[in-house]
């Protein structure tokens, strides 16, 4: 995941790394904007730190599912999606994160990402992110 994200120069400029829960507990974002990808229980999510701080989870799991509540409250992180844009059976969470990082690195507003970049239909989104991956690899090989 990390090597894929670093292929794009615009993502590379704001991407700070893939981390687990242990690294997150000691994380103190120094630069703005910053994107961190979190891997927890084989599920990728994204933290974005900028003028506002955001948490992206394509499954829209409740925040108390994650053991980093203190981190969220310390940084006043807001959740981007209230309902899942990825199906429970899907294994494509990394692809959703890739597309999100691509959009954030290009300064798409979170309001656009939350309302227009993805559809309300998880099956349709699966098709969208898999197509996005193919285009991304072609563009940044």
C-alpha atoms as a PDB file:
ATOM      1  CA  UNK A   1       0.000   0.000   0.000  1.00  0.00           C
ATOM      2  CA  UNK A   2       2.705   2.464   0.990  1.00  0.00           C
ATOM      3  CA  UNK A   3       4.769   1.948  -2.170  1.00  0.00           C
ATOM      4  CA  UNK A   4       1.648   2.356  -4.300  1.00  0.00           C
ATOM      5  CA  UNK A   5       0.748   5.647  -2.612  1.00  0.00           C
ATOM      6  CA  UNK A   6       4.272   6.986  -3.013  1.00  0.00           C
ATOM      7  CA  UNK A   7       4.160   6.558  -6.815  1.00  0.00           C
ATOM      8  CA  UNK A   8       2.069   9.713  -7.170  1.00  0.00           C
ATOM      9  CA  UNK A   9       4.141  12.882  -6.541  1.00  0.00           C
ATOM     10  CA  UNK A  10       1.135  14.820  -5.222  1.00  0.00           C
ATOM     11  CA  UNK A  11       0.243  12.109  -2.719  1.00  0.00           C
ATOM     12  CA  UNK A  12       3.916  11.685  -1.798  1.00  0.00           C
ATOM     13  CA  UNK A  13       4.073  15.391  -0.838  1.00  0.00           C
ATOM     14  CA  UNK A  14       1.417  14.993   1.897  1.00  0.00           C
ATOM     15  CA  UNK A  15       1.546  11.275   2.716  1.00  0.00           C
ATOM     16  CA  UNK A  16       3.321  10.522   6.003  1.00  0.00           C
ATOM     17  CA  UNK A  17       3.028   6.736   6.057  1.00  0.00           C
ATOM     18  CA  UNK A  18       1.033   3.645   6.903  1.00  0.00           C
ATOM     19  CA  UNK A  19       0.840   3.015  10.623  1.00  0.00           C
ATOM     20  CA  UNK A  20      -0.738   0.661  13.112  1.00  0.00           C
ATOM     21  CA  UNK A  21      -2.429   1.443  16.411  1.00  0.00           C
ATOM     22  CA  UNK A  22       0.858   1.509  18.326  1.00  0.00           C
ATOM     23  CA  UNK A  23       2.384   4.156  16.034  1.00  0.00           C
ATOM     24  CA  UNK A  24      -0.830   6.167  16.081  1.00  0.00           C
ATOM     25  CA  UNK A  25      -0.774   6.523  19.849  1.00  0.00           C
ATOM     26  CA  UNK A  26       2.509   8.435  19.635  1.00  0.00           C
ATOM     27  CA  UNK A  27       1.622  10.364  16.497  1.00  0.00           C
ATOM     28  CA  UNK A  28       1.778  14.133  16.611  1.00  0.00           C
ATOM     29  CA  UNK A  29       1.104  15.544  13.136  1.00  0.00           C
ATOM     30  CA  UNK A  30       3.758  18.171  12.528  1.00  0.00           C
ATOM     31  CA  UNK A  31       2.912  19.245   9.017  1.00  0.00           C
ATOM     32  CA  UNK A  32      -0.308  20.350   7.446  1.00  0.00           C
ATOM     33  CA  UNK A  33      -1.738  18.940   5.321  1.00  0.00           C
ATOM     34  CA  UNK A  34      -0.791  15.397   6.285  1.00  0.00           C
ATOM     35  CA  UNK A  35      -2.278  12.053   5.326  1.00  0.00           C
ATOM     36  CA  UNK A  36      -1.774   8.924   7.438  1.00  0.00           C
ATOM     37  CA  UNK A  37      -3.134   5.519   6.490  1.00  0.00           C
ATOM     38  CA  UNK A  38      -4.030   3.347   9.451  1.00  0.00           C
ATOM     39  CA  UNK A  39      -4.124  -0.440   9.246  1.00  0.00           C
ATOM     40  CA  UNK A  40      -6.230  -1.971  12.006  1.00  0.00           C
ATOM     41  CA  UNK A  41      -7.521  -5.571  11.949  1.00  0.00           C
ATOM     42  CA  UNK A  42      -6.762  -5.912   8.228  1.00  0.00           C
ATOM     43  CA  UNK A  43      -8.830  -2.803   7.418  1.00  0.00           C
ATOM     44  CA  UNK A  44      -7.341   0.406   6.018  1.00  0.00           C
ATOM     45  CA  UNK A  45      -8.609   3.830   7.049  1.00  0.00           C
ATOM     46  CA  UNK A  46      -7.253   7.349   6.515  1.00  0.00           C
ATOM     47  CA  UNK A  47      -6.552  10.283   8.812  1.00  0.00           C
ATOM     48  CA  UNK A  48      -6.267  13.668   7.128  1.00  0.00           C
ATOM     49  CA  UNK A  49      -4.838  16.600   9.059  1.00  0.00           C
ATOM     50  CA  UNK A  50      -5.265  20.045   7.552  1.00  0.00           C
ATOM     51  CA  UNK A  51      -7.347  23.088   8.386  1.00  0.00           C
ATOM     52  CA  UNK A  52      -9.864  20.503   9.598  1.00  0.00           C
ATOM     53  CA  UNK A  53      -9.037  16.978  10.681  1.00  0.00           C
ATOM     54  CA  UNK A  54     -10.912  14.060   9.120  1.00  0.00           C
ATOM     55  CA  UNK A  55     -11.203  10.309   9.537  1.00  0.00           C
ATOM     56  CA  UNK A  56     -12.170   8.213   6.510  1.00  0.00           C
ATOM     57  CA  UNK A  57     -13.556   4.694   6.913  1.00  0.00           C
ATOM     58  CA  UNK A  58     -15.231   3.174   3.852  1.00  0.00           C
ATOM     59  CA  UNK A  59     -17.174   0.777   6.098  1.00  0.00           C
ATOM     60  CA  UNK A  60     -18.361   3.683   8.296  1.00  0.00           C
ATOM     61  CA  UNK A  61     -17.752   1.635  11.416  1.00  0.00           C
ATOM     62  CA  UNK A  62     -18.644   3.443  14.654  1.00  0.00           C
ATOM     63  CA  UNK A  63     -15.689   5.351  16.050  1.00  0.00           C
ATOM     64  CA  UNK A  64     -15.846   3.366  19.297  1.00  0.00           C
ATOM     65  CA  UNK A  65     -14.914   0.262  17.248  1.00  0.00           C
ATOM     66  CA  UNK A  66     -11.403   1.672  17.068  1.00  0.00           C
ATOM     67  CA  UNK A  67      -9.172   1.787  20.166  1.00  0.00           C
ATOM     68  CA  UNK A  68      -7.983   5.345  19.571  1.00  0.00           C
ATOM     69  CA  UNK A  69     -10.769   7.459  21.013  1.00  0.00           C
ATOM     70  CA  UNK A  70      -8.303   9.706  22.861  1.00  0.00           C
ATOM     71  CA  UNK A  71      -6.514  10.446  19.624  1.00  0.00           C
ATOM     72  CA  UNK A  72      -9.786  11.402  17.938  1.00  0.00           C
ATOM     73  CA  UNK A  73     -10.806  13.714  20.756  1.00  0.00           C
ATOM     74  CA  UNK A  74      -7.320  15.264  21.040  1.00  0.00           C
ATOM     75  CA  UNK A  75      -7.399  16.258  17.384  1.00  0.00           C
ATOM     76  CA  UNK A  76     -11.156  16.871  17.018  1.00  0.00           C
ATOM     77  CA  UNK A  77     -11.241  14.456  14.106  1.00  0.00           C
ATOM     78  CA  UNK A  78     -14.522  14.270  12.182  1.00  0.00           C
ATOM     79  CA  UNK A  79     -15.877  11.204  10.419  1.00  0.00           C
ATOM     80  CA  UNK A  80     -16.383  11.619   6.643  1.00  0.00           C
ATOM     81  CA  UNK A  81     -19.007   8.934   6.028  1.00  0.00           C
ATOM     82  CA  UNK A  82     -22.098   8.228   8.112  1.00  0.00           C
ATOM     83  CA  UNK A  83     -23.035   5.170   6.056  1.00  0.00           C
ATOM     84  CA  UNK A  84     -20.837   2.544   4.383  1.00  0.00           C
ATOM     85  CA  UNK A  85     -19.665   3.095   0.820  1.00  0.00           C
ATOM     86  CA  UNK A  86     -18.018  -0.351   0.770  1.00  0.00           C
ATOM     87  CA  UNK A  87     -19.801  -3.658   1.238  1.00  0.00           C
ATOM     88  CA  UNK A  88     -18.985  -5.833   4.264  1.00  0.00           C
ATOM     89  CA  UNK A  89     -17.911  -8.655   1.937  1.00  0.00           C
ATOM     90  CA  UNK A  90     -15.477  -6.469  -0.018  1.00  0.00           C
ATOM     91  CA  UNK A  91     -11.716  -6.679   0.417  1.00  0.00           C
ATOM     92  CA  UNK A  92     -11.086  -3.379  -1.370  1.00  0.00           C
ATOM     93  CA  UNK A  93     -10.682  -0.969   1.567  1.00  0.00           C
ATOM     94  CA  UNK A  94      -7.118  -0.167   0.440  1.00  0.00           C
ATOM     95  CA  UNK A  95      -8.475   0.893  -2.958  1.00  0.00           C
ATOM     96  CA  UNK A  96     -10.993   3.224  -1.324  1.00  0.00           C
ATOM     97  CA  UNK A  97      -8.129   4.751   0.669  1.00  0.00           C
ATOM     98  CA  UNK A  98      -6.003   5.092  -2.468  1.00  0.00           C
ATOM     99  CA  UNK A  99      -8.733   7.045  -4.236  1.00  0.00           C
ATOM    100  CA  UNK A 100      -9.326   9.203  -1.171  1.00  0.00           C
ATOM    101  CA  UNK A 101      -5.610  10.026  -0.846  1.00  0.00           C
ATOM    102  CA  UNK A 102      -5.519  10.899  -4.549  1.00  0.00           C
ATOM    103  CA  UNK A 103      -8.423  13.331  -4.122  1.00  0.00           C
ATOM    104  CA  UNK A 104      -7.119  14.868  -0.892  1.00  0.00           C
ATOM    105  CA  UNK A 105      -3.646  15.383  -2.371  1.00  0.00           C
ATOM    106  CA  UNK A 106      -5.314  17.331  -5.178  1.00  0.00           C
ATOM    107  CA  UNK A 107      -7.192  19.479  -2.649  1.00  0.00           C
ATOM    108  CA  UNK A 108     -10.669  18.213  -3.421  1.00  0.00           C
ATOM    109  CA  UNK A 109     -12.882  19.445  -0.583  1.00  0.00           C
ATOM    110  CA  UNK A 110     -14.083  16.862   1.904  1.00  0.00           C
ATOM    111  CA  UNK A 111     -17.649  17.981   1.145  1.00  0.00           C
ATOM    112  CA  UNK A 112     -17.148  16.794  -2.466  1.00  0.00           C
ATOM    113  CA  UNK A 113     -15.582  13.524  -1.339  1.00  0.00           C
ATOM    114  CA  UNK A 114     -18.423  12.846   1.081  1.00  0.00           C
ATOM    115  CA  UNK A 115     -21.177  13.631  -1.388  1.00  0.00           C
ATOM    116  CA  UNK A 116     -19.923  13.110  -4.950  1.00  0.00           C
ATOM    117  CA  UNK A 117     -16.707  11.087  -5.244  1.00  0.00           C
ATOM    118  CA  UNK A 118     -18.447   7.874  -4.210  1.00  0.00           C
ATOM    119  CA  UNK A 119     -21.963   6.565  -4.781  1.00  0.00           C
ATOM    120  CA  UNK A 120     -24.382   5.350  -2.113  1.00  0.00           C
ATOM    121  CA  UNK A 121     -24.302   1.896  -3.730  1.00  0.00           C
ATOM    122  CA  UNK A 122     -21.360  -0.145  -2.331  1.00  0.00           C
ATOM    123  CA  UNK A 123     -21.336  -2.516  -5.338  1.00  0.00           C
ATOM    124  CA  UNK A 124     -21.034   0.413  -7.720  1.00  0.00           C
ATOM    125  CA  UNK A 125     -18.229   1.879  -5.597  1.00  0.00           C
ATOM    126  CA  UNK A 126     -16.348  -1.412  -5.772  1.00  0.00           C
ATOM    127  CA  UNK A 127     -16.398  -1.173  -9.552  1.00  0.00           C
ATOM    128  CA  UNK A 128     -15.309   2.493  -9.385  1.00  0.00           C
ATOM    129  CA  UNK A 129     -12.293   1.906  -7.118  1.00  0.00           C
ATOM    130  CA  UNK A 130     -11.085  -1.131  -9.058  1.00  0.00           C
ATOM    131  CA  UNK A 131     -11.204   0.927 -12.263  1.00  0.00           C
ATOM    132  CA  UNK A 132      -9.433   3.743 -10.450  1.00  0.00           C
ATOM    133  CA  UNK A 133      -6.615   1.347  -9.477  1.00  0.00           C
ATOM    134  CA  UNK A 134      -6.090   0.303 -13.092  1.00  0.00           C
ATOM    135  CA  UNK A 135      -5.908   3.922 -14.227  1.00  0.00           C
ATOM    136  CA  UNK A 136      -3.620   4.828 -11.309  1.00  0.00           C
ATOM    137  CA  UNK A 137      -1.173   2.037 -12.130  1.00  0.00           C
ATOM    138  CA  UNK A 138      -1.175   2.960 -15.829  1.00  0.00           C
ATOM    139  CA  UNK A 139      -0.541   6.608 -14.978  1.00  0.00           C
ATOM    140  CA  UNK A 140       2.124   6.128 -12.280  1.00  0.00           C
ATOM    141  CA  UNK A 141       4.021   3.011 -13.433  1.00  0.00           C
END
